[in-house]
Amino acid sequence: MIAVRIGPDFRMVGGRRPKYFERRAKPKKPQHLTDHDCINIRLPTYGGIYAWEFEKARARLKVRVDGSWCSTNMA
């Protein structure tokens, strides 16, 4: 099987409710997100919960987060 790109890469942005950090410490690095209630996504082509991906100056990091909500739709 050969994979062929059918579209460009896309970027996602994290967000939060204004009152969320009134009772939680703000994360200083991506690894701190494991202490927070995050939204996960389950992709049928991935085979499970997708790890959050971060990139800075070509250094890549994947973080597995927990949360009370999971989506099966990127939109």
PDB file of N, CA and C in Angstrom:
ATOM      1  N   MET A   1       0.846  -1.165   0.000  1.00  0.00           N
ATOM      2  CA  MET A   1       0.000   0.000   0.000  1.00  0.00           C
ATOM      3  C   MET A   1       0.896   1.234   0.000  1.00  0.00           C
ATOM      4  N   ILE A   2       0.523   2.239  -0.757  1.00  0.00           N
ATOM      5  CA  ILE A   2       1.290   3.479  -0.846  1.00  0.00           C
ATOM      6  C   ILE A   2       0.409   4.628  -0.373  1.00  0.00           C
ATOM      7  N   ALA A   3       0.970   5.474   0.511  1.00  0.00           N
ATOM      8  CA  ALA A   3       0.244   6.650   0.995  1.00  0.00           C
ATOM      9  C   ALA A   3       0.529   7.832   0.072  1.00  0.00           C
ATOM     10  N   VAL A   4      -0.515   8.565  -0.272  1.00  0.00           N
ATOM     11  CA  VAL A   4      -0.379   9.738  -1.124  1.00  0.00           C
ATOM     12  C   VAL A   4      -1.058  10.911  -0.435  1.00  0.00           C
ATOM     13  N   ARG A   5      -0.324  12.012  -0.286  1.00  0.00           N
ATOM     14  CA  ARG A   5      -0.898  13.208   0.351  1.00  0.00           C
ATOM     15  C   ARG A   5      -2.038  13.741  -0.502  1.00  0.00           C
ATOM     16  N   ILE A   6      -3.176  14.011   0.131  1.00  0.00           N
ATOM     17  CA  ILE A   6      -4.325  14.539  -0.609  1.00  0.00           C
ATOM     18  C   ILE A   6      -4.659  15.970  -0.205  1.00  0.00           C
ATOM     19  N   GLY A   7      -3.902  16.532   0.732  1.00  0.00           N
ATOM     20  CA  GLY A   7      -4.141  17.897   1.159  1.00  0.00           C
ATOM     21  C   GLY A   7      -2.990  18.398   2.010  1.00  0.00           C
ATOM     22  N   PRO A   8      -3.010  19.674   2.345  1.00  0.00           N
ATOM     23  CA  PRO A   8      -1.925  20.253   3.138  1.00  0.00           C
ATOM     24  C   PRO A   8      -2.032  19.860   4.617  1.00  0.00           C
ATOM     25  N   ASP A   9      -0.921  19.992   5.339  1.00  0.00           N
ATOM     26  CA  ASP A   9      -0.958  19.831   6.795  1.00  0.00           C
ATOM     27  C   ASP A   9      -1.831  20.936   7.375  1.00  0.00           C
ATOM     28  N   PHE A  10      -2.395  20.713   8.532  1.00  0.00           N
ATOM     29  CA  PHE A  10      -3.166  21.766   9.185  1.00  0.00           C
ATOM     30  C   PHE A  10      -2.726  21.875  10.635  1.00  0.00           C
ATOM     31  N   ARG A  11      -2.890  23.047  11.191  1.00  0.00           N
ATOM     32  CA  ARG A  11      -2.497  23.309  12.571  1.00  0.00           C
ATOM     33  C   ARG A  11      -3.745  23.457  13.432  1.00  0.00           C
ATOM     34  N   MET A  12      -3.593  23.046  14.682  1.00  0.00           N
ATOM     35  CA  MET A  12      -4.686  23.176  15.639  1.00  0.00           C
ATOM     36  C   MET A  12      -4.211  24.081  16.767  1.00  0.00           C
ATOM     37  N   VAL A  13      -5.140  24.755  17.404  1.00  0.00           N
ATOM     38  CA  VAL A  13      -4.825  25.669  18.489  1.00  0.00           C
ATOM     39  C   VAL A  13      -5.584  25.234  19.734  1.00  0.00           C
ATOM     40  N   GLY A  14      -4.906  25.259  20.870  1.00  0.00           N
ATOM     41  CA  GLY A  14      -5.552  24.930  22.138  1.00  0.00           C
ATOM     42  C   GLY A  14      -6.285  26.138  22.702  1.00  0.00           C
ATOM     43  N   GLY A  15      -7.322  25.882  23.437  1.00  0.00           N
ATOM     44  CA  GLY A  15      -8.087  26.953  24.065  1.00  0.00           C
ATOM     45  C   GLY A  15      -8.596  26.502  25.420  1.00  0.00           C
ATOM     46  N   ARG A  16      -9.236  27.403  26.138  1.00  0.00           N
ATOM     47  CA  ARG A  16      -9.782  27.072  27.454  1.00  0.00           C
ATOM     48  C   ARG A  16     -10.888  28.056  27.810  1.00  0.00           C
ATOM     49  N   ARG A  17     -11.724  27.634  28.748  1.00  0.00           N
ATOM     50  CA  ARG A  17     -12.756  28.532  29.263  1.00  0.00           C
ATOM     51  C   ARG A  17     -12.090  29.538  30.192  1.00  0.00           C
ATOM     52  N   PRO A  18     -12.550  30.778  30.235  1.00  0.00           N
ATOM     53  CA  PRO A  18     -11.910  31.792  31.080  1.00  0.00           C
ATOM     54  C   PRO A  18     -11.779  31.396  32.547  1.00  0.00           C
ATOM     55  N   LYS A  19     -12.762  30.717  33.105  1.00  0.00           N
ATOM     56  CA  LYS A  19     -12.717  30.372  34.529  1.00  0.00           C
ATOM     57  C   LYS A  19     -11.901  29.125  34.841  1.00  0.00           C
ATOM     58  N   TYR A  20     -11.474  28.397  33.810  1.00  0.00           N
ATOM     59  CA  TYR A  20     -10.766  27.133  34.029  1.00  0.00           C
ATOM     60  C   TYR A  20      -9.517  27.324  34.893  1.00  0.00           C
ATOM     61  N   PHE A  21      -8.715  28.334  34.609  1.00  0.00           N
ATOM     62  CA  PHE A  21      -7.468  28.529  35.338  1.00  0.00           C
ATOM     63  C   PHE A  21      -7.632  29.262  36.663  1.00  0.00           C
ATOM     64  N   GLU A  22      -8.856  29.570  37.047  1.00  0.00           N
ATOM     65  CA  GLU A  22      -9.087  30.102  38.396  1.00  0.00           C
ATOM     66  C   GLU A  22      -8.842  29.021  39.438  1.00  0.00           C
ATOM     67  N   ARG A  23      -8.969  27.755  39.040  1.00  0.00           N
ATOM     68  CA  ARG A  23      -8.782  26.653  39.996  1.00  0.00           C
ATOM     69  C   ARG A  23      -7.670  25.684  39.582  1.00  0.00           C
ATOM     70  N   ARG A  24      -6.951  25.994  38.525  1.00  0.00           N
ATOM     71  CA  ARG A  24      -5.873  25.133  38.029  1.00  0.00           C
ATOM     72  C   ARG A  24      -4.637  25.971  37.697  1.00  0.00           C
ATOM     73  N   ALA A  25      -3.478  25.384  37.859  1.00  0.00           N
ATOM     74  CA  ALA A  25      -2.235  26.056  37.466  1.00  0.00           C
ATOM     75  C   ALA A  25      -2.117  26.038  35.946  1.00  0.00           C
ATOM     76  N   LYS A  26      -1.656  27.145  35.371  1.00  0.00           N
ATOM     77  CA  LYS A  26      -1.474  27.199  33.922  1.00  0.00           C
ATOM     78  C   LYS A  26      -0.287  26.329  33.519  1.00  0.00           C
ATOM     79  N   PRO A  27      -0.436  25.561  32.447  1.00  0.00           N
ATOM     80  CA  PRO A  27       0.688  24.724  31.997  1.00  0.00           C
ATOM     81  C   PRO A  27       1.807  25.593  31.426  1.00  0.00           C
ATOM     82  N   LYS A  28       3.027  25.302  31.826  1.00  0.00           N
ATOM     83  CA  LYS A  28       4.193  26.036  31.316  1.00  0.00           C
ATOM     84  C   LYS A  28       4.805  25.331  30.110  1.00  0.00           C
ATOM     85  N   LYS A  29       4.627  23.995  30.033  1.00  0.00           N
ATOM     86  CA  LYS A  29       5.126  23.207  28.908  1.00  0.00           C
ATOM     87  C   LYS A  29       4.075  22.171  28.529  1.00  0.00           C
ATOM     88  N   PRO A  30       4.158  21.634  27.332  1.00  0.00           N
ATOM     89  CA  PRO A  30       3.155  20.659  26.894  1.00  0.00           C
ATOM     90  C   PRO A  30       2.994  19.469  27.845  1.00  0.00           C
ATOM     91  N   GLN A  31       4.075  19.027  28.477  1.00  0.00           N
ATOM     92  CA  GLN A  31       3.990  17.883  29.386  1.00  0.00           C
ATOM     93  C   GLN A  31       3.068  18.167  30.575  1.00  0.00           C
ATOM     94  N   HIS A  32       2.882  19.428  30.932  1.00  0.00           N
ATOM     95  CA  HIS A  32       1.999  19.796  32.051  1.00  0.00           C
ATOM     96  C   HIS A  32       0.526  19.568  31.722  1.00  0.00           C
ATOM     97  N   LEU A  33       0.199  19.386  30.454  1.00  0.00           N
ATOM     98  CA  LEU A  33      -1.197  19.159  30.065  1.00  0.00           C
ATOM     99  C   LEU A  33      -1.746  17.846  30.609  1.00  0.00           C
ATOM    100  N   THR A  34      -0.877  16.944  31.019  1.00  0.00           N
ATOM    101  CA  THR A  34      -1.350  15.673  31.577  1.00  0.00           C
ATOM    102  C   THR A  34      -2.079  15.885  32.901  1.00  0.00           C
ATOM    103  N   ASP A  35      -1.933  17.038  33.532  1.00  0.00           N
ATOM    104  CA  ASP A  35      -2.617  17.369  34.782  1.00  0.00           C
ATOM    105  C   ASP A  35      -3.934  18.100  34.543  1.00  0.00           C
ATOM    106  N   HIS A  36      -4.360  18.208  33.289  1.00  0.00           N
ATOM    107  CA  HIS A  36      -5.546  19.002  32.958  1.00  0.00           C
ATOM    108  C   HIS A  36      -6.624  18.167  32.275  1.00  0.00           C
ATOM    109  N   ASP A  37      -7.845  18.706  32.265  1.00  0.00           N
ATOM    110  CA  ASP A  37      -8.998  18.080  31.631  1.00  0.00           C
ATOM    111  C   ASP A  37      -9.025  18.520  30.165  1.00  0.00           C
ATOM    112  N   CYS A  38      -8.496  17.700  29.288  1.00  0.00           N
ATOM    113  CA  CYS A  38      -8.342  18.050  27.874  1.00  0.00           C
ATOM    114  C   CYS A  38      -9.371  17.317  27.010  1.00  0.00           C
ATOM    115  N   ILE A  39      -9.529  17.789  25.796  1.00  0.00           N
ATOM    116  CA  ILE A  39     -10.404  17.135  24.822  1.00  0.00           C
ATOM    117  C   ILE A  39      -9.545  16.204  23.974  1.00  0.00           C
ATOM    118  N   ASN A  40      -9.966  14.985  23.845  1.00  0.00           N
ATOM    119  CA  ASN A  40      -9.257  14.008  23.020  1.00  0.00           C
ATOM    120  C   ASN A  40      -9.998  13.777  21.719  1.00  0.00           C
ATOM    121  N   ILE A  41      -9.307  13.164  20.776  1.00  0.00           N
ATOM    122  CA  ILE A  41      -9.935  12.786  19.520  1.00  0.00           C
ATOM    123  C   ILE A  41      -9.572  11.336  19.207  1.00  0.00           C
ATOM    124  N   ARG A  42     -10.565  10.598  18.767  1.00  0.00           N
ATOM    125  CA  ARG A  42     -10.366   9.202  18.381  1.00  0.00           C
ATOM    126  C   ARG A  42     -10.565   9.126  16.869  1.00  0.00           C
ATOM    127  N   LEU A  43      -9.473   8.835  16.164  1.00  0.00           N
ATOM    128  CA  LEU A  43      -9.539   8.739  14.708  1.00  0.00           C
ATOM    129  C   LEU A  43      -9.635   7.275  14.291  1.00  0.00           C
ATOM    130  N   PRO A  44     -10.582   6.921  13.426  1.00  0.00           N
ATOM    131  CA  PRO A  44     -10.732   5.528  13.016  1.00  0.00           C
ATOM    132  C   PRO A  44      -9.500   4.996  12.292  1.00  0.00           C
ATOM    133  N   THR A  45      -8.772   5.865  11.607  1.00  0.00           N
ATOM    134  CA  THR A  45      -7.580   5.422  10.874  1.00  0.00           C
ATOM    135  C   THR A  45      -6.349   5.336  11.767  1.00  0.00           C
ATOM    136  N   TYR A  46      -6.418   5.877  12.972  1.00  0.00           N
ATOM    137  CA  TYR A  46      -5.265   5.890  13.879  1.00  0.00           C
ATOM    138  C   TYR A  46      -5.247   4.678  14.804  1.00  0.00           C
ATOM    139  N   GLY A  47      -6.425   4.165  15.122  1.00  0.00           N
ATOM    140  CA  GLY A  47      -6.496   2.983  15.972  1.00  0.00           C
ATOM    141  C   GLY A  47      -6.597   3.270  17.459  1.00  0.00           C
ATOM    142  N   GLY A  48      -7.011   4.436  17.837  1.00  0.00           N
ATOM    143  CA  GLY A  48      -7.160   4.760  19.258  1.00  0.00           C
ATOM    144  C   GLY A  48      -7.179   6.259  19.479  1.00  0.00           C
ATOM    145  N   ILE A  49      -6.952   6.646  20.725  1.00  0.00           N
ATOM    146  CA  ILE A  49      -6.924   8.070  21.080  1.00  0.00           C
ATOM    147  C   ILE A  49      -5.648   8.695  20.515  1.00  0.00           C
ATOM    148  N   TYR A  50      -5.800   9.795  19.840  1.00  0.00           N
ATOM    149  CA  TYR A  50      -4.686  10.482  19.201  1.00  0.00           C
ATOM    150  C   TYR A  50      -3.903  11.308  20.221  1.00  0.00           C
ATOM    151  N   ALA A  51      -2.594  11.199  20.228  1.00  0.00           N
ATOM    152  CA  ALA A  51      -1.751  11.989  21.124  1.00  0.00           C
ATOM    153  C   ALA A  51      -1.616  13.404  20.569  1.00  0.00           C
ATOM    154  N   TRP A  52      -1.660  14.401  21.458  1.00  0.00           N
ATOM    155  CA  TRP A  52      -1.474  15.782  21.030  1.00  0.00           C
ATOM    156  C   TRP A  52      -0.052  15.943  20.526  1.00  0.00           C
ATOM    157  N   GLU A  53       0.119  16.629  19.409  1.00  0.00           N
ATOM    158  CA  GLU A  53       1.440  16.828  18.810  1.00  0.00           C
ATOM    159  C   GLU A  53       1.844  18.298  18.899  1.00  0.00           C
ATOM    160  N   PHE A  54       3.092  18.509  19.279  1.00  0.00           N
ATOM    161  CA  PHE A  54       3.648  19.853  19.381  1.00  0.00           C
ATOM    162  C   PHE A  54       4.948  19.894  18.590  1.00  0.00           C
ATOM    163  N   GLU A  55       5.239  21.070  18.034  1.00  0.00           N
ATOM    164  CA  GLU A  55       6.490  21.238  17.297  1.00  0.00           C
ATOM    165  C   GLU A  55       7.009  22.649  17.531  1.00  0.00           C
ATOM    166  N   LYS A  56       8.307  22.741  17.812  1.00  0.00           N
ATOM    167  CA  LYS A  56       8.957  24.033  17.992  1.00  0.00           C
ATOM    168  C   LYS A  56      10.389  23.893  17.486  1.00  0.00           C
ATOM    169  N   ALA A  57      10.762  24.743  16.543  1.00  0.00           N
ATOM    170  CA  ALA A  57      12.108  24.708  15.958  1.00  0.00           C
ATOM    171  C   ALA A  57      12.464  23.293  15.482  1.00  0.00           C
ATOM    172  N   ARG A  58      11.512  22.650  14.813  1.00  0.00           N
ATOM    173  CA  ARG A  58      11.671  21.292  14.258  1.00  0.00           C
ATOM    174  C   ARG A  58      11.779  20.187  15.301  1.00  0.00           C
ATOM    175  N   ALA A  59      11.696  20.511  16.571  1.00  0.00           N
ATOM    176  CA  ALA A  59      11.652  19.483  17.615  1.00  0.00           C
ATOM    177  C   ALA A  59      10.193  19.089  17.799  1.00  0.00           C
ATOM    178  N   ARG A  60       9.915  17.794  17.754  1.00  0.00           N
ATOM    179  CA  ARG A  60       8.535  17.312  17.861  1.00  0.00           C
ATOM    180  C   ARG A  60       8.326  16.577  19.172  1.00  0.00           C
ATOM    181  N   LEU A  61       7.115  16.721  19.711  1.00  0.00           N
ATOM    182  CA  LEU A  61       6.765  16.107  20.986  1.00  0.00           C
ATOM    183  C   LEU A  61       5.322  15.645  20.903  1.00  0.00           C
ATOM    184  N   LYS A  62       5.043  14.440  21.394  1.00  0.00           N
ATOM    185  CA  LYS A  62       3.673  13.934  21.489  1.00  0.00           C
ATOM    186  C   LYS A  62       3.337  13.770  22.957  1.00  0.00           C
ATOM    187  N   VAL A  63       2.140  14.242  23.351  1.00  0.00           N
ATOM    188  CA  VAL A  63       1.692  14.163  24.741  1.00  0.00           C
ATOM    189  C   VAL A  63       0.334  13.477  24.772  1.00  0.00           C
ATOM    190  N   ARG A  64       0.220  12.435  25.560  1.00  0.00           N
ATOM    191  CA  ARG A  64      -1.074  11.766  25.759  1.00  0.00           C
ATOM    192  C   ARG A  64      -1.757  12.431  26.943  1.00  0.00           C
ATOM    193  N   VAL A  65      -2.936  12.985  26.697  1.00  0.00           N
ATOM    194  CA  VAL A  65      -3.666  13.715  27.727  1.00  0.00           C
ATOM    195  C   VAL A  65      -4.920  12.954  28.122  1.00  0.00           C
ATOM    196  N   ASP A  66      -5.444  13.264  29.287  1.00  0.00           N
ATOM    197  CA  ASP A  66      -6.719  12.718  29.743  1.00  0.00           C
ATOM    198  C   ASP A  66      -7.769  13.806  29.659  1.00  0.00           C
ATOM    199  N   GLY A  67      -9.006  13.404  29.608  1.00  0.00           N
ATOM    200  CA  GLY A  67     -10.075  14.372  29.571  1.00  0.00           C
ATOM    201  C   GLY A  67     -11.426  13.711  29.712  1.00  0.00           C
ATOM    202  N   SER A  68     -12.410  14.528  29.970  1.00  0.00           N
ATOM    203  CA  SER A  68     -13.764  14.006  30.165  1.00  0.00           C
ATOM    204  C   SER A  68     -14.565  14.007  28.862  1.00  0.00           C
ATOM    205  N   TRP A  69     -13.932  14.416  27.767  1.00  0.00           N
ATOM    206  CA  TRP A  69     -14.643  14.486  26.495  1.00  0.00           C
ATOM    207  C   TRP A  69     -13.754  13.977  25.381  1.00  0.00           C
ATOM    208  N   CYS A  70     -14.338  13.203  24.466  1.00  0.00           N
ATOM    209  CA  CYS A  70     -13.605  12.664  23.325  1.00  0.00           C
ATOM    210  C   CYS A  70     -14.481  12.803  22.088  1.00  0.00           C
ATOM    211  N   SER A  71     -13.884  13.243  20.988  1.00  0.00           N
ATOM    212  CA  SER A  71     -14.614  13.428  19.732  1.00  0.00           C
ATOM    213  C   SER A  71     -14.099  12.436  18.694  1.00  0.00           C
ATOM    214  N   THR A  72     -14.931  12.132  17.727  1.00  0.00           N
ATOM    215  CA  THR A  72     -14.506  11.302  16.601  1.00  0.00           C
ATOM    216  C   THR A  72     -14.499  12.136  15.324  1.00  0.00           C
ATOM    217  N   ASN A  73     -14.612  13.458  15.466  1.00  0.00           N
ATOM    218  CA  ASN A  73     -14.704  14.344  14.324  1.00  0.00           C
ATOM    219  C   ASN A  73     -13.765  15.526  14.513  1.00  0.00           C
ATOM    220  N   MET A  74     -12.834  15.733  13.613  1.00  0.00           N
ATOM    221  CA  MET A  74     -11.889  16.848  13.721  1.00  0.00           C
ATOM    222  C   MET A  74     -12.583  18.204  13.621  1.00  0.00           C
ATOM    223  N   ALA A  75     -13.668  18.292  12.868  1.00  0.00           N
ATOM    224  CA  ALA A  75     -14.370  19.566  12.712  1.00  0.00           C
ATOM    225  C   ALA A  75     -15.065  19.928  14.009  1.00  0.00           C
TER     226      ALA A  75
END
